[in-house]
C-alpha atoms as a PDB file:
ATOM      1  CA  MET A   1     121.234  44.050 265.762  1.00  0.00           C
ATOM      2  CA  LYS A   2     122.932  45.158 262.573  1.00  0.00           C
ATOM      3  CA  ARG A   3     121.208  47.570 260.260  1.00  0.00           C
ATOM      4  CA  ILE A   4     119.653  45.773 257.348  1.00  0.00           C
ATOM      5  CA  ASP A   5     121.813  47.733 254.865  1.00  0.00           C
ATOM      6  CA  THR A   6     124.998  46.171 256.254  1.00  0.00           C
ATOM      7  CA  CYS A   7     123.563  42.687 256.786  1.00  0.00           C
ATOM      8  CA  THR A   8     124.935  39.964 254.522  1.00  0.00           C
ATOM      9  CA  LYS A   9     123.181  36.974 256.116  1.00  0.00           C
ATOM     10  CA  THR A  10     120.501  35.879 253.690  1.00  0.00           C
ATOM     11  CA  ASP A  11     118.805  33.701 256.334  1.00  0.00           C
ATOM     12  CA  LEU A  12     118.146  36.755 258.489  1.00  0.00           C
ATOM     13  CA  LEU A  13     116.908  38.738 255.512  1.00  0.00           C
ATOM     14  CA  VAL A  14     114.553  35.955 254.399  1.00  0.00           C
ATOM     15  CA  GLY A  15     113.283  35.753 257.987  1.00  0.00           C
ATOM     16  CA  LEU A  16     112.642  39.491 258.007  1.00  0.00           C
ATOM     17  CA  LEU A  17     110.890  39.221 254.662  1.00  0.00           C
ATOM     18  CA  LEU A  18     108.623  36.475 255.986  1.00  0.00           C
ATOM     19  CA  ALA A  19     107.994  38.413 259.221  1.00  0.00           C
ATOM     20  CA  GLY A  20     106.939  41.411 257.168  1.00  0.00           C
ATOM     21  CA  ILE A  21     104.575  39.309 255.084  1.00  0.00           C
ATOM     22  CA  VAL A  22     103.062  37.732 258.215  1.00  0.00           C
ATOM     23  CA  ALA A  23     102.605  41.192 259.767  1.00  0.00           C
ATOM     24  CA  VAL A  24     100.700  42.389 256.696  1.00  0.00           C
ATOM     25  CA  LEU A  25      98.528  39.248 256.738  1.00  0.00           C
ATOM     26  CA  ALA A  26      97.808  39.689 260.453  1.00  0.00           C
ATOM     27  CA  ALA A  27      96.835  43.303 259.858  1.00  0.00           C
ATOM     28  CA  TYR A  28      94.478  42.190 257.093  1.00  0.00           C
ATOM     29  CA  ARG A  29      92.882  39.599 259.382  1.00  0.00           C
ATOM     30  CA  ILE A  30      92.349  42.188 262.127  1.00  0.00           C
ATOM     31  CA  PHE A  31      90.776  44.552 259.607  1.00  0.00           C
ATOM     32  CA  ALA A  32      88.517  41.790 258.265  1.00  0.00           C
ATOM     33  CA  TYR A  33      87.381  41.038 261.823  1.00  0.00           C
ATOM     34  CA  LEU A  34      86.590  44.697 262.413  1.00  0.00           C
ATOM     35  CA  CYS A  35      84.453  44.749 259.292  1.00  0.00           C
ATOM     36  CA  GLU A  36      82.481  41.664 260.432  1.00  0.00           C
ATOM     37  CA  VAL A  37      81.542  43.103 263.842  1.00  0.00           C
ATOM     38  CA  THR A  38      78.297  45.026 263.574  1.00  0.00           C
ATOM     39  CA  ALA A  39      78.389  46.881 266.909  1.00  0.00           C
ATOM     40  CA  PHE A  40      80.950  49.671 267.191  1.00  0.00           C
ATOM     41  CA  GLN A  41      83.159  49.340 270.235  1.00  0.00           C
ATOM     42  CA  TRP A  42      85.791  51.787 271.508  1.00  0.00           C
ATOM     43  CA  TRP A  43      88.525  49.192 271.147  1.00  0.00           C
ATOM     44  CA  MET A  44      87.833  48.927 267.419  1.00  0.00           C
ATOM     45  CA  VAL A  45      89.587  52.259 266.946  1.00  0.00           C
ATOM     46  CA  LEU A  46      92.649  50.900 268.759  1.00  0.00           C
ATOM     47  CA  LEU A  47      92.591  47.695 266.732  1.00  0.00           C
ATOM     48  CA  GLY A  48      92.217  49.698 263.538  1.00  0.00           C
ATOM     49  CA  ALA A  49      95.241  51.824 264.466  1.00  0.00           C
ATOM     50  CA  LEU A  50      97.198  48.670 265.357  1.00  0.00           C
ATOM     51  CA  CYS A  51      96.157  47.187 262.026  1.00  0.00           C
ATOM     52  CA  ALA A  52      97.449  50.201 260.130  1.00  0.00           C
ATOM     53  CA  VAL A  53     100.750  50.262 262.032  1.00  0.00           C
ATOM     54  CA  LEU A  54     101.204  46.513 261.593  1.00  0.00           C
ATOM     55  CA  ALA A  55     100.504  46.663 257.861  1.00  0.00           C
ATOM     56  CA  ILE A  56     102.770  49.656 257.216  1.00  0.00           C
ATOM     57  CA  GLY A  57     105.565  48.266 259.395  1.00  0.00           C
ATOM     58  CA  GLY A  58     105.324  44.820 257.853  1.00  0.00           C
ATOM     59  CA  PHE A  59     105.366  46.240 254.350  1.00  0.00           C
ATOM     60  CA  LEU A  60     108.417  48.410 255.077  1.00  0.00           C
ATOM     61  CA  VAL A  61     110.344  45.534 256.679  1.00  0.00           C
ATOM     62  CA  ALA A  62     109.519  43.154 253.822  1.00  0.00           C
ATOM     63  CA  ARG A  63     110.349  45.775 251.175  1.00  0.00           C
ATOM     64  CA  ARG A  64     113.698  46.634 252.727  1.00  0.00           C
ATOM     65  CA  ALA A  65     114.666  42.976 253.172  1.00  0.00           C
ATOM     66  CA  TRP A  66     113.640  42.234 249.564  1.00  0.00           C
ATOM     67  CA  LYS A  67     115.737  45.104 248.211  1.00  0.00           C
ATOM     68  CA  ARG A  68     118.773  43.968 250.228  1.00  0.00           C
ATOM     69  CA  LEU A  69     118.351  40.379 249.021  1.00  0.00           C
ATOM     70  CA  GLN A  70     118.208  41.603 245.423  1.00  0.00           C
ATOM     71  CA  TYR A  71     121.343  43.680 245.974  1.00  0.00           C
ATOM     72  CA  LEU A  72     123.195  40.712 247.464  1.00  0.00           C
ATOM     73  CA  ARG A  73     122.078  38.546 244.542  1.00  0.00           C
ATOM     74  CA  ASP A  74     123.448  41.048 242.028  1.00  0.00           C
ATOM     75  CA  ASN A  75     126.661  41.693 244.026  1.00  0.00           C
ATOM     76  CA  PRO A  76     127.771  38.307 245.415  1.00  0.00           C
ATOM     77  CA  ASP A  77     131.198  39.597 246.473  1.00  0.00           C
ATOM     78  CA  GLU A  78     129.659  41.999 249.031  1.00  0.00           C
END
């Protein structure tokens, strides 16, 4: 797959933006579930780590896709 910096397909970038947003929402839902459970389980630590990775990764993907879309909007000849 092409690096996002060289990608000029806006459909792919919008898809990446939406995937990033969904990843952040999924991480939030996992975190909310962990807060609702009263008994501490060992797998909660793993889910918490997954939640953090998912949120950070989703944010970075969405941010990078958004910046590239803005660049392509301002430079249509690229």
